[in-house]
Amino acid sequence: MNWPAIFLSLRLATLVCAVLLVVGAPLAYWIAFSRSRWKFLAEAVVALPLVLPPTVLGYYMLVALGPKSPLGRLAESVLSTRLTFSFPGLVIASVLYSLPFAVQPMANAFSSIDPKLLDAAAVLGAPAWRRFRTITLPLAKAGLLTAVVLSFAHTIGEFGVVLMVGGNIPGVTQTISIAIYDEVQALDYAVAARTSALLLIFSFTTLALVYALNRRSSLWWSSARNA
């Protein structure tokens, strides 16, 4: 079992989830409540990683983060960090690749909230930040948890994007999915089978948890409306 690759993948997924909660929640809130006629363009951009081949997204990320790009030059001059073939580059690429898995569940959860509750709080004088903290977030907690679980699991299983942006550097950018590929290439099927079984169990548990949370949330809303 390639434990360094496993621990690196867990570290990457944890950081990506934290970033997606900070960045994705406001974006999901805007998508859920905005009345802009151009909102569909933002939704299309968010969903683009779902249909775009990972190698294509990885190529554009490699160009955007490369040492000759403005972002790459800024990172090297200010932070003394190279974004390509490094862990920070993996984080940036993974955030973009897992964005729809975080934003869409949160947007759906925000959209399901009764606007009358927010309007009533506004009439009573509650500012926007307080309405978001005391009403929106508690009512959308199932969607937030689903977003965290899905984005974490999706980041753990990434292959094409992380390989294009980070390469295959053991202990630096080699994730668990890349490690499995290496094990198969080396004809080490026994280790590849054990690592793959671990990912299979993890993926099944993740999906079961998501469906259980969605079912529980649906039952709660049904009972609340019938009460």
C-alpha atoms as a PDB file:
ATOM      1  CA  MET A   1       0.000   0.000   0.000  1.00  0.00           C
ATOM      2  CA  ASN A   2       1.390   3.379  -1.036  1.00  0.00           C
ATOM      3  CA  TRP A   3       0.745   5.309   2.169  1.00  0.00           C
ATOM      4  CA  PRO A   4       2.513   8.554   1.120  1.00  0.00           C
ATOM      5  CA  ALA A   5       0.192   8.805  -1.910  1.00  0.00           C
ATOM      6  CA  ILE A   6      -2.834   8.071   0.274  1.00  0.00           C
ATOM      7  CA  PHE A   7      -1.902  10.714   2.847  1.00  0.00           C
ATOM      8  CA  LEU A   8      -1.150  13.241   0.108  1.00  0.00           C
ATOM      9  CA  SER A   9      -4.561  12.598  -1.464  1.00  0.00           C
ATOM     10  CA  LEU A  10      -6.285  13.048   1.901  1.00  0.00           C
ATOM     11  CA  ARG A  11      -4.397  16.288   2.495  1.00  0.00           C
ATOM     12  CA  LEU A  12      -5.274  17.534  -0.990  1.00  0.00           C
ATOM     13  CA  ALA A  13      -8.959  16.647  -0.620  1.00  0.00           C
ATOM     14  CA  THR A  14      -9.191  18.358   2.778  1.00  0.00           C
ATOM     15  CA  LEU A  15      -7.688  21.606   1.485  1.00  0.00           C
ATOM     16  CA  VAL A  16      -9.857  21.536  -1.635  1.00  0.00           C
ATOM     17  CA  CYS A  17     -13.015  21.085   0.464  1.00  0.00           C
ATOM     18  CA  ALA A  18     -12.070  24.014   2.694  1.00  0.00           C
ATOM     19  CA  VAL A  19     -11.444  26.284  -0.298  1.00  0.00           C
ATOM     20  CA  LEU A  20     -14.648  25.179  -2.025  1.00  0.00           C
ATOM     21  CA  LEU A  21     -16.729  25.968   1.060  1.00  0.00           C
ATOM     22  CA  VAL A  22     -15.308  29.479   1.224  1.00  0.00           C
ATOM     23  CA  VAL A  23     -15.489  30.147  -2.520  1.00  0.00           C
ATOM     24  CA  GLY A  24     -18.410  27.944  -3.514  1.00  0.00           C
ATOM     25  CA  ALA A  25     -20.968  28.954  -0.883  1.00  0.00           C
ATOM     26  CA  PRO A  26     -21.260  32.624  -1.987  1.00  0.00           C
ATOM     27  CA  LEU A  27     -21.299  31.543  -5.638  1.00  0.00           C
ATOM     28  CA  ALA A  28     -24.014  28.962  -4.947  1.00  0.00           C
ATOM     29  CA  TYR A  29     -26.019  31.549  -3.007  1.00  0.00           C
ATOM     30  CA  TRP A  30     -25.827  33.977  -5.929  1.00  0.00           C
ATOM     31  CA  ILE A  31     -26.872  31.266  -8.390  1.00  0.00           C
ATOM     32  CA  ALA A  32     -29.811  30.286  -6.191  1.00  0.00           C
ATOM     33  CA  PHE A  33     -31.227  33.767  -5.605  1.00  0.00           C
ATOM     34  CA  SER A  34     -29.958  35.944  -8.448  1.00  0.00           C
ATOM     35  CA  ARG A  35     -32.482  37.152 -10.986  1.00  0.00           C
ATOM     36  CA  SER A  36     -29.888  38.142 -13.555  1.00  0.00           C
ATOM     37  CA  ARG A  37     -30.759  37.153 -17.106  1.00  0.00           C
ATOM     38  CA  TRP A  38     -27.136  36.070 -17.610  1.00  0.00           C
ATOM     39  CA  LYS A  39     -27.101  33.679 -14.662  1.00  0.00           C
ATOM     40  CA  PHE A  40     -27.161  30.717 -17.019  1.00  0.00           C
ATOM     41  CA  LEU A  41     -23.656  31.628 -18.201  1.00  0.00           C
ATOM     42  CA  ALA A  42     -22.292  31.309 -14.671  1.00  0.00           C
ATOM     43  CA  GLU A  43     -24.104  27.996 -14.242  1.00  0.00           C
ATOM     44  CA  ALA A  44     -22.604  26.736 -17.511  1.00  0.00           C
ATOM     45  CA  VAL A  45     -19.086  27.729 -16.444  1.00  0.00           C
ATOM     46  CA  VAL A  46     -19.514  25.986 -13.083  1.00  0.00           C
ATOM     47  CA  ALA A  47     -20.803  22.807 -14.741  1.00  0.00           C
ATOM     48  CA  LEU A  48     -18.150  22.794 -17.478  1.00  0.00           C
ATOM     49  CA  PRO A  49     -15.801  20.344 -15.660  1.00  0.00           C
ATOM     50  CA  LEU A  50     -18.614  17.770 -15.701  1.00  0.00           C
ATOM     51  CA  VAL A  51     -18.507  17.458 -19.495  1.00  0.00           C
ATOM     52  CA  LEU A  52     -15.002  18.642 -20.343  1.00  0.00           C
ATOM     53  CA  PRO A  53     -12.405  15.840 -20.663  1.00  0.00           C
ATOM     54  CA  PRO A  54      -9.983  15.978 -17.712  1.00  0.00           C
ATOM     55  CA  THR A  55      -6.996  16.099 -20.065  1.00  0.00           C
ATOM     56  CA  VAL A  56      -8.399  19.188 -21.788  1.00  0.00           C
ATOM     57  CA  LEU A  57      -9.014  20.947 -18.489  1.00  0.00           C
ATOM     58  CA  GLY A  58      -5.598  19.815 -17.293  1.00  0.00           C
ATOM     59  CA  TYR A  59      -3.946  21.226 -20.410  1.00  0.00           C
ATOM     60  CA  TYR A  60      -5.519  24.653 -19.984  1.00  0.00           C
ATOM     61  CA  MET A  61      -4.648  24.633 -16.288  1.00  0.00           C
ATOM     62  CA  LEU A  62      -1.062  23.716 -17.186  1.00  0.00           C
ATOM     63  CA  VAL A  63      -0.889  26.687 -19.554  1.00  0.00           C
ATOM     64  CA  ALA A  64      -2.555  29.056 -17.070  1.00  0.00           C
ATOM     65  CA  LEU A  65      -0.277  28.035 -14.188  1.00  0.00           C
ATOM     66  CA  GLY A  66       2.930  27.636 -16.194  1.00  0.00           C
ATOM     67  CA  PRO A  67       6.077  29.657 -15.432  1.00  0.00           C
ATOM     68  CA  LYS A  68       5.515  31.841 -18.519  1.00  0.00           C
ATOM     69  CA  SER A  69       1.931  32.729 -17.606  1.00  0.00           C
ATOM     70  CA  PRO A  70       1.080  35.868 -15.570  1.00  0.00           C
ATOM     71  CA  LEU A  71      -0.164  33.775 -12.657  1.00  0.00           C
ATOM     72  CA  GLY A  72       2.892  31.547 -12.749  1.00  0.00           C
ATOM     73  CA  ARG A  73       5.288  34.513 -12.849  1.00  0.00           C
ATOM     74  CA  LEU A  74       3.414  36.180  -9.980  1.00  0.00           C
ATOM     75  CA  ALA A  75       3.653  33.049  -7.829  1.00  0.00           C
ATOM     76  CA  GLU A  76       7.363  32.686  -8.474  1.00  0.00           C
ATOM     77  CA  SER A  77       8.212  36.338  -7.889  1.00  0.00           C
ATOM     78  CA  VAL A  78       6.011  36.953  -4.838  1.00  0.00           C
ATOM     79  CA  LEU A  79       5.709  33.542  -3.181  1.00  0.00           C
ATOM     80  CA  SER A  80       8.816  31.884  -4.624  1.00  0.00           C
ATOM     81  CA  THR A  81       6.574  28.960  -5.535  1.00  0.00           C
ATOM     82  CA  ARG A  82       6.225  27.098  -8.795  1.00  0.00           C
ATOM     83  CA  LEU A  83       2.590  26.251  -9.494  1.00  0.00           C
ATOM     84  CA  THR A  84       3.082  23.529 -12.085  1.00  0.00           C
ATOM     85  CA  PHE A  85       4.325  20.152 -10.875  1.00  0.00           C
ATOM     86  CA  SER A  86       3.823  21.211  -7.277  1.00  0.00           C
ATOM     87  CA  PHE A  87       1.261  20.689  -4.520  1.00  0.00           C
ATOM     88  CA  PRO A  88      -0.150  24.263  -4.688  1.00  0.00           C
ATOM     89  CA  GLY A  89      -0.826  23.702  -8.382  1.00  0.00           C
ATOM     90  CA  LEU A  90      -2.700  20.510  -7.534  1.00  0.00           C
ATOM     91  CA  VAL A  91      -4.888  22.434  -5.090  1.00  0.00           C
ATOM     92  CA  ILE A  92      -5.800  25.114  -7.660  1.00  0.00           C
ATOM     93  CA  ALA A  93      -6.533  22.567 -10.391  1.00  0.00           C
ATOM     94  CA  SER A  94      -8.551  20.357  -8.053  1.00  0.00           C
ATOM     95  CA  VAL A  95     -10.649  23.289  -6.835  1.00  0.00           C
ATOM     96  CA  LEU A  96     -11.681  24.112 -10.404  1.00  0.00           C
ATOM     97  CA  TYR A  97     -12.240  20.456 -11.317  1.00  0.00           C
ATOM     98  CA  SER A  98     -14.391  19.750  -8.232  1.00  0.00           C
ATOM     99  CA  LEU A  99     -16.246  23.092  -8.326  1.00  0.00           C
ATOM    100  CA  PRO A 100     -19.564  21.735  -9.695  1.00  0.00           C
ATOM    101  CA  PHE A 101     -19.632  18.957  -7.087  1.00  0.00           C
ATOM    102  CA  ALA A 102     -19.660  21.622  -4.368  1.00  0.00           C
ATOM    103  CA  VAL A 103     -21.618  24.468  -5.943  1.00  0.00           C
ATOM    104  CA  GLN A 104     -24.540  22.522  -7.404  1.00  0.00           C
ATOM    105  CA  PRO A 105     -25.606  20.740  -4.169  1.00  0.00           C
ATOM    106  CA  MET A 106     -25.323  23.994  -2.233  1.00  0.00           C
ATOM    107  CA  ALA A 107     -27.259  25.933  -4.882  1.00  0.00           C
ATOM    108  CA  ASN A 108     -30.020  23.307  -4.849  1.00  0.00           C
ATOM    109  CA  ALA A 109     -30.179  23.478  -1.056  1.00  0.00           C
ATOM    110  CA  PHE A 110     -30.366  27.271  -1.073  1.00  0.00           C
ATOM    111  CA  SER A 111     -33.071  27.210  -3.764  1.00  0.00           C
ATOM    112  CA  SER A 112     -35.255  24.905  -1.663  1.00  0.00           C
ATOM    113  CA  ILE A 113     -35.484  27.446   1.175  1.00  0.00           C
ATOM    114  CA  ASP A 114     -38.815  29.245   1.366  1.00  0.00           C
ATOM    115  CA  PRO A 115     -38.169  32.902   0.399  1.00  0.00           C
ATOM    116  CA  LYS A 116     -40.925  33.975   2.781  1.00  0.00           C
ATOM    117  CA  LEU A 117     -38.695  33.084   5.727  1.00  0.00           C
ATOM    118  CA  LEU A 118     -35.949  35.387   4.477  1.00  0.00           C
ATOM    119  CA  ASP A 119     -38.450  38.125   3.649  1.00  0.00           C
ATOM    120  CA  ALA A 120     -39.955  37.914   7.140  1.00  0.00           C
ATOM    121  CA  ALA A 121     -36.506  38.177   8.720  1.00  0.00           C
ATOM    122  CA  ALA A 122     -35.719  41.183   6.529  1.00  0.00           C
ATOM    123  CA  VAL A 123     -38.967  42.892   7.573  1.00  0.00           C
ATOM    124  CA  LEU A 124     -38.013  42.323  11.215  1.00  0.00           C
ATOM    125  CA  GLY A 125     -34.744  44.137  10.569  1.00  0.00           C
ATOM    126  CA  ALA A 126     -32.254  41.291  10.267  1.00  0.00           C
ATOM    127  CA  PRO A 127     -29.341  42.274   7.999  1.00  0.00           C
ATOM    128  CA  ALA A 128     -28.329  40.088   5.055  1.00  0.00           C
ATOM    129  CA  TRP A 129     -25.343  38.478   6.815  1.00  0.00           C
ATOM    130  CA  ARG A 130     -27.484  37.547   9.812  1.00  0.00           C
ATOM    131  CA  ARG A 131     -30.202  36.046   7.607  1.00  0.00           C
ATOM    132  CA  PHE A 132     -27.545  34.001   5.840  1.00  0.00           C
ATOM    133  CA  ARG A 133     -25.995  32.795   9.116  1.00  0.00           C
ATOM    134  CA  THR A 134     -29.146  32.100  11.125  1.00  0.00           C
ATOM    135  CA  ILE A 135     -31.618  30.984   8.441  1.00  0.00           C
ATOM    136  CA  THR A 136     -29.986  30.055   5.155  1.00  0.00           C
ATOM    137  CA  LEU A 137     -27.045  28.021   6.448  1.00  0.00           C
ATOM    138  CA  PRO A 138     -28.991  25.958   9.034  1.00  0.00           C
ATOM    139  CA  LEU A 139     -31.738  25.100   6.533  1.00  0.00           C
ATOM    140  CA  ALA A 140     -29.188  24.211   3.850  1.00  0.00           C
ATOM    141  CA  LYS A 141     -26.917  22.126   6.072  1.00  0.00           C
ATOM    142  CA  ALA A 142     -27.784  18.886   4.254  1.00  0.00           C
ATOM    143  CA  GLY A 143     -26.736  20.425   0.946  1.00  0.00           C
ATOM    144  CA  LEU A 144     -23.543  21.794   2.484  1.00  0.00           C
ATOM    145  CA  LEU A 145     -22.640  18.388   3.888  1.00  0.00           C
ATOM    146  CA  THR A 146     -23.407  16.753   0.549  1.00  0.00           C
ATOM    147  CA  ALA A 147     -21.142  19.270  -1.183  1.00  0.00           C
ATOM    148  CA  VAL A 148     -18.298  18.514   1.220  1.00  0.00           C
ATOM    149  CA  VAL A 149     -18.644  14.751   0.859  1.00  0.00           C
ATOM    150  CA  LEU A 150     -18.911  14.797  -2.939  1.00  0.00           C
ATOM    151  CA  SER A 151     -16.051  17.240  -3.482  1.00  0.00           C
ATOM    152  CA  PHE A 152     -13.842  15.305  -1.060  1.00  0.00           C
ATOM    153  CA  ALA A 153     -14.547  11.989  -2.772  1.00  0.00           C
ATOM    154  CA  HIS A 154     -14.157  13.491  -6.238  1.00  0.00           C
ATOM    155  CA  THR A 155     -10.789  14.988  -5.337  1.00  0.00           C
ATOM    156  CA  ILE A 156      -9.585  11.662  -3.930  1.00  0.00           C
ATOM    157  CA  GLY A 157     -10.331   9.926  -7.244  1.00  0.00           C
ATOM    158  CA  GLU A 158      -8.884  12.533  -9.620  1.00  0.00           C
ATOM    159  CA  PHE A 159      -6.465  11.312 -12.247  1.00  0.00           C
ATOM    160  CA  GLY A 160      -6.249  13.220 -15.539  1.00  0.00           C
ATOM    161  CA  VAL A 161      -6.167  16.767 -14.197  1.00  0.00           C
ATOM    162  CA  VAL A 162      -3.700  16.087 -11.389  1.00  0.00           C
ATOM    163  CA  LEU A 163      -1.447  14.106 -13.716  1.00  0.00           C
ATOM    164  CA  MET A 164      -1.368  16.931 -16.277  1.00  0.00           C
ATOM    165  CA  VAL A 165      -0.766  19.718 -13.748  1.00  0.00           C
ATOM    166  CA  GLY A 166       1.275  17.957 -11.084  1.00  0.00           C
ATOM    167  CA  GLY A 167       2.957  15.144 -12.935  1.00  0.00           C
ATOM    168  CA  ASN A 168       3.936  12.053 -10.982  1.00  0.00           C
ATOM    169  CA  ILE A 169       6.411  13.065  -8.287  1.00  0.00           C
ATOM    170  CA  PRO A 170       6.339  10.642  -5.304  1.00  0.00           C
ATOM    171  CA  GLY A 171       5.669  12.441  -2.045  1.00  0.00           C
ATOM    172  CA  VAL A 172       4.965  15.732  -3.826  1.00  0.00           C
ATOM    173  CA  THR A 173       2.248  15.301  -6.466  1.00  0.00           C
ATOM    174  CA  GLN A 174       1.657  11.541  -6.691  1.00  0.00           C
ATOM    175  CA  THR A 175      -1.937  10.944  -5.610  1.00  0.00           C
ATOM    176  CA  ILE A 176      -3.545   7.608  -4.904  1.00  0.00           C
ATOM    177  CA  SER A 177      -5.084   7.274  -8.373  1.00  0.00           C
ATOM    178  CA  ILE A 178      -1.719   7.926 -10.030  1.00  0.00           C
ATOM    179  CA  ALA A 179      -0.106   5.422  -7.669  1.00  0.00           C
ATOM    180  CA  ILE A 180      -2.567   2.753  -8.825  1.00  0.00           C
ATOM    181  CA  TYR A 181      -1.680   3.531 -12.435  1.00  0.00           C
ATOM    182  CA  ASP A 182       2.015   3.150 -11.624  1.00  0.00           C
ATOM    183  CA  GLU A 183       1.399  -0.154  -9.864  1.00  0.00           C
ATOM    184  CA  VAL A 184      -0.457  -1.534 -12.869  1.00  0.00           C
ATOM    185  CA  GLN A 185       2.270  -0.305 -15.219  1.00  0.00           C
ATOM    186  CA  ALA A 186       4.824  -2.099 -13.038  1.00  0.00           C
ATOM    187  CA  LEU A 187       2.678  -5.273 -13.159  1.00  0.00           C
ATOM    188  CA  ASP A 188       2.304  -5.115  -9.374  1.00  0.00           C
ATOM    189  CA  TYR A 189      -1.304  -6.246  -9.518  1.00  0.00           C
ATOM    190  CA  ALA A 190      -1.508  -7.351  -5.890  1.00  0.00           C
ATOM    191  CA  VAL A 191      -0.766  -3.877  -4.516  1.00  0.00           C
ATOM    192  CA  ALA A 192      -2.938  -2.265  -7.205  1.00  0.00           C
ATOM    193  CA  ALA A 193      -5.818  -4.555  -6.225  1.00  0.00           C
ATOM    194  CA  ARG A 194      -5.557  -3.628  -2.544  1.00  0.00           C
ATOM    195  CA  THR A 195      -5.385   0.101  -3.282  1.00  0.00           C
ATOM    196  CA  SER A 196      -8.269  -0.129  -5.752  1.00  0.00           C
ATOM    197  CA  ALA A 197     -10.369  -2.047  -3.226  1.00  0.00           C
ATOM    198  CA  LEU A 198      -9.738   0.715  -0.698  1.00  0.00           C
ATOM    199  CA  LEU A 199     -10.947   3.334  -3.177  1.00  0.00           C
ATOM    200  CA  LEU A 200     -13.968   1.211  -4.094  1.00  0.00           C
ATOM    201  CA  ILE A 201     -15.047   0.888  -0.463  1.00  0.00           C
ATOM    202  CA  PHE A 202     -14.475   4.588   0.110  1.00  0.00           C
ATOM    203  CA  SER A 203     -16.485   5.581  -2.983  1.00  0.00           C
ATOM    204  CA  PHE A 204     -19.389   3.275  -2.101  1.00  0.00           C
ATOM    205  CA  THR A 205     -19.501   4.562   1.475  1.00  0.00           C
ATOM    206  CA  THR A 206     -19.451   8.136   0.218  1.00  0.00           C
ATOM    207  CA  LEU A 207     -22.356   7.613  -2.183  1.00  0.00           C
ATOM    208  CA  ALA A 208     -24.365   5.733   0.437  1.00  0.00           C
ATOM    209  CA  LEU A 209     -23.856   8.605   2.865  1.00  0.00           C
ATOM    210  CA  VAL A 210     -24.940  11.187   0.284  1.00  0.00           C
ATOM    211  CA  TYR A 211     -28.104   9.291  -0.634  1.00  0.00           C
ATOM    212  CA  ALA A 212     -28.919   8.738   3.030  1.00  0.00           C
ATOM    213  CA  LEU A 213     -28.538  12.444   3.766  1.00  0.00           C
ATOM    214  CA  ASN A 214     -30.707  13.405   0.788  1.00  0.00           C
ATOM    215  CA  ARG A 215     -33.376  10.919   1.805  1.00  0.00           C
ATOM    216  CA  ARG A 216     -33.371  12.146   5.386  1.00  0.00           C
ATOM    217  CA  SER A 217     -33.597  15.756   4.207  1.00  0.00           C
ATOM    218  CA  SER A 218     -36.526  14.951   1.892  1.00  0.00           C
ATOM    219  CA  LEU A 219     -38.412  13.166   4.666  1.00  0.00           C
ATOM    220  CA  TRP A 220     -37.814  16.087   7.019  1.00  0.00           C
ATOM    221  CA  TRP A 221     -39.169  18.625   4.514  1.00  0.00           C
ATOM    222  CA  SER A 222     -42.204  16.436   3.782  1.00  0.00           C
ATOM    223  CA  SER A 223     -43.066  16.097   7.451  1.00  0.00           C
ATOM    224  CA  ALA A 224     -42.500  19.821   8.050  1.00  0.00           C
ATOM    225  CA  ARG A 225     -44.824  20.806   5.222  1.00  0.00           C
ATOM    226  CA  ASN A 226     -47.539  18.382   6.302  1.00  0.00           C
ATOM    227  CA  ALA A 227     -47.363  19.532   9.897  1.00  0.00           C
END
